Amino acid sequence: MEINLISDTVTRPTKEMLAAMMHAKVGDDVFGDDPTVNELQVKVATMFGMEAALFFPSGTMANQVAIKLHTQPGDKMYCDKYAHVYNFEGGGAAFNSGVTCSLLNGKRGMFTAMQLKQALTDKGNIHLPYSSLVCIENTTNKGGGACWDFEELKKIKHVCEENELKYHLDGARLFNALVAKNESPKQYGALFDTISICLSKGLGAPVGSVLMGSKLDMQKASRIRKLFGGGMRQAGYLAAAAIYALDNNVERLVQDHEKAKDLAAVLTECDFVKHVEPVETNIVIFTIQDDIDNDFFIAKMKEKNIFFIGMGEGKLRMVTHLDYTDEMHQKCIDILRGF
C-alpha cells in the first residue's frame, strides 16, 4: 500500500467524476463555445458573487495572469515572504510582468494591515518602484495550511483602497479555509479585485483553476491567457470534473482536516520530532531533531511506502487529501509511532 502525502494534487478522479467527464458537452473554448466551461465559469462567479470567471489549466497561470492584469513593468507587488506567487511560481512575477516583490515578514505566511502600511512607499517618488498590487494566499502553503483572519483581510482592503492598490487572492486552497472557518465564498468575492481558486488540490479534480473578477478584467485576462499559451480547446471534459468537485467534494474537506490534526498529534508525541506547526486544515509541517538528517528520514519513510517532501529551511510537509483513506491513515500513524 503506497501512502502518498506529497501533496493534495496527487488525487485521481473517482468513477463518478470520470463519468461526469465522459458525458460532458464540449466545444472550442478558445472561441468561447464550450458549454461546460461556460457553465463552470458562471457557477464559480455566481458562487463568489463576482461578475465573471475564466478557466485556466493551472493555478500558477491564473495567478500570473492576475499579476499582469493589475501591474505594469517596473511596478511593485506586496506579498508575504512565504507567498506562493513569490516562492513557487518560477519567478513568474519578474519574468512575465517585470514587477518587483516587496516581501512582508508575516507569521506563517500572514502579515497584518499595519505591516503593509509601514512597507508602502511614496507613489509620487520617481526613484521608487510604483506600488500597484497586494497578493494574499489563503490557506498559506508554506505556513502550514494556516487560515487568514477575515477581519485582518478587511483591514488590508482598507489600506489598499486608501493607497489605490489592487487586491488579489491566491485561493489555491481557499475552500479548506472556508470549511475550517465557516466562511462563505461571497465574503471573499466582495473583498478582492480578483480571486484564483484551484480545483485540483483538495477538491480532487485532475486539472484546472479559475480566476474571477469584473467582466472587464476577465476580458483582459482572456487576452493575457492567450498570450501565455493557456487557451484550451475541448476543455469541457476538465470543466466537468471541476463542476463535480465543487458539487461533491467541498464539505468532505473536514475529513482531511481531522486526519491532518491526528498526524500532528502523533508527531508531537514522537521523540524524533523537534516541532510541529499548528494545524488548521490539511497541511502538516514539522521539523525533526538536529541529529537526524531530513533526507535520511524521508528515505526511511519511503522504504515503508510513505511519501512526503521537504519544504526547505528544515521543514517537512505532509498533506492529507481525498485519496488518503482511513486504512492508510492508521498505517501511517502506526509507522510514525514505531520509527
Foldseek 3Di string as FASTA:
>chain_A
DFAEQAFLLPFDDDPVLLVLLVPAQFFFCLVPPGVLQQVLFVVLCVQQVAATKHKWQDLLLLVLLVLQLFDAAQAEEEFAPQDCNPPPNPNSSCVVHNYHYDHFDDQLRDHALVSVVVPDDDCVDPVHHHYAEYEGEAPRDSSFRHGDDLVRLQSNLVVCVVRVHAYEYSDQPVLQNCLLVVHGSNSVSVRHQKYKYHCSGQLNQNGIIMMGHHPVSVVSSSVVCVVVVGRDTGCSSSSSSSVCSVVPGRNCQVVLQVLLVVVQVLLVVDQQWDDWRDGRGFKTKTAGDPVDDPVNVQVVVVVVNYHYQAPPPRITMGGGHDPCDPVNSVVVSVVRNVD
